[in-house]
């Protein structure tokens, strides 16, 4: 029996492309664009791409950048020389528009992941599991179970209800989808003037199935100076460990 199990071929990892929206203006960082801030001497975006490319199925990376970084910029040159990335998508006025622009540059992959540029601590294993789940179910979202009690609050800061914590998860990225499903969801949102808080919501609203893939708790999103300091501490701890 053990011999038969050892002869069973391991399924090949799902091949995928990943879109990285990185076209924000950095209003919460005093106008400094967050993906290009240095984290241990290198842009946050570089760390993020390196982690994504460690997932075995990663075939194409499509950064979506601000007009200042598009074309022949220093950033574009660095991405080409360091990661072999030849094509950058031009960002739109919103994150949602930027993601759609990135989807338009995906070449052949049937599965596409969308990942925040400022989540440089993502686990490559989680990245691959999101791609595998997206191939199987249509959509998948990295998330962690809620550890705090969440309150729904109404007018006058009055608590209206306390949702059961055991059913609540905090959505993160990467989020992965079959490419045609992601495009259909984004086109529908654009045509109907709907702006969602994440890509999974766009897929949910057209009836697509999205499954949760448990993430690690250290996959933080760098939005403040404090987050940057925490990310540096985690990276130093990983290297020393």
Foldseek 3Di string as FASTA:
>chain_A
DVVVVVPDDDDDFAAEEEEEEQADQQVLAVRDRQQQDDFPRGGLLVLQVVQQVVQVRYDYYEYEYEPVCPDPHPVQVCCCVPPVHNDYFHADPDSLRSVLSRLVPDDDHQKYWYAYSQQSPFHSVLSRVQRVVQVVQFKEWEWAQDPDWDFDADPPRHTDDTPPRRPDIGTHDGMMGRSVLLNVLSVVCVVVVHDDPDSVVSSVVVPGDYYYDYTDPSSDGDSHPVNSVVVSVVVVVVVVD
